[in-house]
Protein backbone atom coordinates (compact mmCIF):
# COMPACT_ATOMS: atom_id res chain seq x y z
CA MET A 1 201.65 48.91 70.06
CA GLU A 2 200.34 51.69 68.57
CA ALA A 3 203.23 53.90 69.32
CA GLU A 4 205.40 51.22 68.06
CA LEU A 5 203.78 51.37 64.54
CA HIS A 6 202.88 55.05 64.78
CA ASP A 7 205.95 55.98 62.53
CA VAL A 8 205.96 52.97 60.37
CA PHE A 9 202.60 54.09 58.70
CA TRP A 10 203.48 57.61 58.52
CA GLU A 11 206.75 57.13 56.88
CA ALA A 12 205.17 54.84 54.23
CA GLU A 13 203.00 57.61 53.22
CA GLY A 14 206.16 59.56 52.11
CA PRO A 15 207.55 62.94 53.08
CA ALA A 16 205.43 64.96 55.56
CA ALA A 17 202.89 67.23 53.72
CA GLU A 18 201.99 69.37 56.52
CA LEU A 19 205.80 70.34 56.99
CA PRO A 20 206.27 73.06 54.36
CA LEU A 21 202.95 74.94 55.98
CA LEU A 22 204.45 74.60 59.49
CA ARG A 23 207.73 76.20 58.33
CA ASN A 24 205.94 78.95 56.66
CA PHE A 25 204.19 79.65 59.82
CA LEU A 26 206.92 79.35 62.22
CA LYS A 27 209.01 81.84 59.95
CA ARG A 28 206.27 84.56 60.29
CA HIS A 29 206.53 84.05 64.42
CA PRO A 30 210.13 83.66 65.40
CA GLY A 31 210.97 83.07 68.73
CA LYS A 32 210.15 80.11 71.18
CA ALA A 33 207.24 77.91 69.98
CA LEU A 34 205.41 74.84 71.06
CA GLU A 35 203.88 71.92 69.36
CA ILE A 36 200.94 70.34 71.04
CA GLY A 37 200.40 66.63 70.51
CA SER A 38 204.18 66.35 69.37
CA GLY A 39 204.08 62.62 69.49
CA SER A 40 207.06 60.77 68.01
CA GLY A 41 208.63 64.13 66.74
CA ARG A 42 207.58 63.05 63.30
CA LEU A 43 207.10 66.86 62.64
CA LEU A 44 208.86 68.56 65.34
CA LEU A 45 212.46 66.95 65.11
CA PRO A 46 212.71 68.05 61.23
CA LEU A 47 211.83 71.47 62.49
CA LEU A 48 214.17 71.40 65.19
CA ALA A 49 217.09 70.25 63.05
CA GLU A 50 216.42 73.30 60.95
CA GLY A 51 216.81 75.58 63.82
CA PHE A 52 213.29 76.43 64.91
CA LYS A 53 213.22 76.94 68.78
CA LEU A 54 210.22 74.30 68.75
CA GLU A 55 209.22 72.60 71.98
CA GLY A 56 206.85 69.46 72.20
CA LEU A 57 204.11 68.81 74.41
CA ASP A 58 202.29 65.29 74.48
CA ASN A 59 200.35 63.39 77.39
CA SER A 60 201.35 60.05 76.25
CA THR A 61 204.36 58.59 77.98
CA GLU A 62 205.14 56.04 75.24
CA MET A 63 205.03 58.91 72.39
CA ILE A 64 207.54 61.02 74.67
CA GLU A 65 209.90 58.16 74.98
CA LEU A 66 209.73 57.29 71.37
CA CYS A 67 210.48 61.11 70.45
CA GLN A 68 213.52 61.19 72.76
CA ALA A 69 214.96 58.02 71.35
CA SER A 70 214.29 59.29 67.68
CA ALA A 71 216.00 62.57 68.80
CA ALA A 72 219.02 61.06 70.36
CA ALA A 73 219.53 58.98 67.14
CA LYS A 74 219.64 62.54 65.34
CA GLY A 75 221.76 64.08 68.02
CA LEU A 76 218.96 66.25 69.06
CA GLU A 77 217.74 67.35 72.33
CA PRO A 78 214.02 68.67 72.32
CA HIS A 79 212.53 70.33 75.50
CA LEU A 80 209.52 68.15 76.02
CA PHE A 81 206.46 68.17 78.39
CA CYS A 82 204.68 64.99 79.20
CA CYS A 83 201.35 66.61 80.45
CA ASP A 84 198.08 68.17 79.60
CA LEU A 85 197.93 71.52 77.81
CA PHE A 86 196.52 73.10 81.10
CA ALA A 87 199.29 71.69 83.31
CA LEU A 88 202.15 73.43 81.68
CA PRO A 89 204.49 75.35 84.18
CA ALA A 90 203.33 78.76 85.35
CA GLY A 91 204.81 81.49 83.22
CA SER A 92 205.25 79.68 80.11
CA ARG A 93 205.08 81.93 77.11
CA TYR A 94 205.57 81.50 73.36
CA GLN A 95 205.56 83.47 70.10
CA ALA A 96 203.86 80.54 68.32
CA ILE A 97 201.74 77.27 68.97
CA THR A 98 201.04 74.70 66.60
CA LEU A 99 198.29 71.80 66.63
CA PRO A 100 199.27 69.74 63.45
CA ALA A 101 197.66 66.46 62.29
CA PHE A 102 194.18 67.39 63.69
CA THR A 103 195.30 67.34 67.23
CA LEU A 104 192.64 70.13 68.13
CA GLN A 105 189.82 67.85 67.17
CA LEU A 106 191.06 64.99 69.51
CA LEU A 107 191.11 67.43 72.49
CA PRO A 108 187.91 67.06 74.72
CA ASP A 109 186.99 70.77 74.79
CA PRO A 110 188.62 72.50 71.76
CA ILE A 111 186.94 75.83 72.72
CA ALA A 112 188.84 75.92 76.21
CA ALA A 113 191.88 74.67 74.58
CA VAL A 114 192.38 77.54 72.01
CA ALA A 115 191.45 79.85 74.98
CA ARG A 116 194.08 78.31 76.96
CA ILE A 117 196.45 78.76 73.89
CA ASN A 118 195.52 82.55 74.02
CA GLU A 119 196.96 82.67 77.36
CA LEU A 120 200.17 81.20 76.76
CA LEU A 121 200.81 83.21 73.57
CA GLU A 122 202.54 86.74 73.52
CA VAL A 123 200.31 89.60 72.09
CA GLY A 124 200.71 89.28 68.26
CA GLY A 125 201.92 85.53 68.67
CA GLY A 126 200.31 82.97 66.29
CA ILE A 127 198.27 79.83 66.34
CA TYR A 128 198.47 77.12 63.70
CA PHE A 129 196.05 74.06 63.40
CA SER A 130 194.74 71.62 60.84
CA VAL A 131 191.33 70.23 60.95
CA PHE A 132 189.18 67.68 58.71
CA TYR A 133 185.62 67.20 57.85
CA PRO A 134 185.04 63.54 57.54
CA TRP A 135 182.87 63.64 54.50
CA ALA A 136 183.00 59.72 53.91
CA GLU A 137 181.49 59.05 57.31
CA VAL A 138 179.14 61.92 57.29
CA PHE A 139 177.50 60.83 53.71
CA ASP A 140 177.62 57.29 54.88
CA GLU A 141 180.13 56.10 52.35
CA LEU A 142 181.73 54.07 54.83
CA PRO A 143 179.80 51.14 56.82
CA GLU A 144 179.33 52.22 60.28
CA ASN A 145 180.28 49.90 63.25
CA GLU A 146 181.86 47.52 60.96
CA PHE A 147 185.63 47.14 60.56
CA TYR A 148 187.23 48.04 57.23
CA PRO A 149 190.89 47.80 55.81
CA ASP A 150 192.69 51.10 56.62
CA HIS A 151 196.24 50.63 56.11
CA SER A 152 198.78 47.51 55.38
CA LEU A 153 202.39 47.21 54.94
CA THR A 154 205.12 44.61 55.11
CA LEU A 155 207.65 45.12 57.87
CA PRO A 156 211.62 44.53 57.37
CA ASP A 157 211.31 41.15 59.23
CA GLY A 158 208.69 39.85 56.54
CA LYS A 159 205.65 40.16 58.89
CA THR A 160 202.67 42.29 57.84
CA ALA A 161 201.41 45.32 60.19
CA SER A 162 197.97 46.46 59.47
CA ILE A 163 195.17 48.94 60.64
CA THR A 164 191.53 48.14 60.46
CA THR A 165 188.92 50.70 61.48
CA LYS A 166 185.19 51.11 62.48
CA HIS A 167 183.43 54.02 63.31
CA SER A 168 180.19 55.48 64.90
CA ILE A 169 179.03 58.86 64.34
CA ASP A 170 176.62 61.45 66.07
CA LYS A 171 175.81 63.77 63.23
CA ASP A 172 173.75 66.22 65.48
CA ALA A 173 176.70 66.61 67.92
CA GLN A 174 179.27 66.32 65.43
CA ILE A 175 181.12 63.62 67.21
CA LEU A 176 183.00 60.90 65.25
CA THR A 177 184.24 57.95 67.36
CA ARG A 178 186.85 55.80 65.44
CA VAL A 179 188.17 52.19 67.11
CA HIS A 180 191.53 51.34 65.27
CA ARG A 181 192.71 47.82 65.66
CA TYR A 182 196.46 47.34 65.02
CA GLU A 183 197.77 43.96 64.13
CA ILE A 184 201.14 42.11 63.38
CA SER A 185 200.84 38.91 61.69
CA SER A 186 202.90 36.42 59.90
CA SER A 187 202.28 33.30 57.86
CA ASP A 188 200.97 31.66 61.08
CA GLY A 189 198.34 34.13 61.68
CA VAL A 190 197.98 37.27 63.83
CA GLU A 191 200.66 37.35 66.51
CA ARG A 192 199.81 40.71 68.48
CA GLU A 193 196.72 43.05 68.24
CA HIS A 194 195.85 46.27 69.90
CA GLU A 195 192.76 48.55 69.79
CA SER A 196 192.70 52.22 70.41
CA THR A 197 189.70 54.62 70.36
CA GLN A 198 189.85 58.25 69.05
CA VAL A 199 186.74 60.63 69.94
CA ILE A 200 186.93 63.18 67.10
CA ARG A 201 185.02 66.68 67.17
CA TYR A 202 184.31 68.05 63.88
CA CYS A 203 182.35 71.12 62.24
CA GLU A 204 182.61 73.26 59.00
CA GLU A 205 184.98 75.87 58.56
CA PRO A 206 183.05 79.17 59.43
CA ASP A 207 182.56 77.49 62.92
CA TRP A 208 186.48 76.94 63.17
CA GLU A 209 186.80 80.57 62.30
CA HIS A 210 183.86 81.66 64.75
CA LEU A 211 185.83 79.77 67.36
CA LEU A 212 189.01 81.51 66.92
CA ASP A 213 187.20 85.04 67.14
CA ALA A 214 185.57 84.09 70.33
CA THR A 215 188.78 83.62 71.79
CA GLY A 216 190.55 86.41 70.89
CA PHE A 217 192.30 85.38 67.41
CA LYS A 218 192.25 86.98 64.19
CA VAL A 219 192.38 84.61 60.89
CA THR A 220 195.16 85.54 58.69
CA GLU A 221 195.21 82.62 56.14
CA VAL A 222 193.56 79.58 55.34
CA PHE A 223 194.91 76.57 53.39
CA TRP A 224 193.31 73.70 51.93
CA ASP A 225 194.91 70.05 51.77
CA PHE A 226 198.25 71.55 52.94
CA LEU A 227 198.59 73.03 49.64
CA PRO A 228 200.15 76.59 49.83
CA ASP A 229 197.92 77.65 46.53
CA GLN A 230 194.96 75.49 46.49
CA ASP A 231 191.74 77.58 45.63
CA GLU A 232 189.05 77.49 48.09
CA GLU A 233 186.34 77.04 45.05
CA GLU A 234 188.39 73.80 43.92
CA GLU A 235 187.13 70.24 45.08
CA THR A 236 189.37 69.30 48.22
CA ALA A 237 189.78 66.46 50.66
CA GLY A 238 188.26 68.23 53.56
CA VAL A 239 191.43 69.21 55.33
CA THR A 240 191.81 73.10 56.46
CA THR A 241 194.83 74.65 58.06
CA PHE A 242 194.38 77.74 59.86
CA PHE A 243 196.98 80.53 60.71
CA ALA A 244 195.81 83.00 63.08
CA VAL A 245 197.12 85.86 65.57
CA LYS A 246 196.44 86.87 69.22
CA VAL A 247 194.90 90.23 69.06
C-alpha cells in the first residue's frame, strides 16, 4: 500500500524540487551513474528521458515493479538492481552516484555506505546526497508517540488517501524513528490501512562533511533547501545537499 500511494502524494507536491540539482550534478560527471534508493523512478525516469546514463538501485521489489511499470508507460528501459548497495555485481564502476530524498539517512550505517560508494566510483567521480535536520522533533514542536496528520488528498475515485505520523527520538544517539500510517477511506470509513517504520539517522552539517572527508571525498559545493542560490546565513528548512568528489 505504501508503494501504491508513493507517487500519489509526491505528485501532489508539484514538480520535484530536487531535479534541477541532480541535473546540475550529473552534467558535471558525465558517464554511467547510479541512483541509490531509486524507488518508483520519480527522479530517475525524468533524468533517463533527458539522456543521462542513470541506473537505479532499490531493495524493495514493490518499488522496482512500480518503476518498471512507469518506465514502460513512458517508453523507457531503465537498468535496475533490486538488491542492497553491498550486493552490486563485482566490477560495477560509476562516474556519479546519487542518494536523493534523504536516502543516506535511512541506511543502517551511513559511514559504511559512503565508503562502499567510494569503491564504486572512478577517481574524480562524484557523490550527491541530500539530508535533513529534524528541527521540529528535536525542539519538541511535534508531540512524541502520538499520531498527527501528515498528508491527505482526494483520489480520482473520490476516496481519501491520508498519512498520519508518530515519532520517537533518541537525541543522544541522533536517531529519529517515524511510524507512518497510510489509510484509504470512503464515506463508510477506513477501507484499508498500512503502517511502515522509518529509522532516520541525523546530524549537523559539519558531521556530514567530516564523514565525507573520512571516506575519501572532498566537498565541492553545498546547497540548502534545494535552491541553487540560497545563502548559508539565511533561515532554511534544514535540508542540505552535498556535491563531493572522490580524491
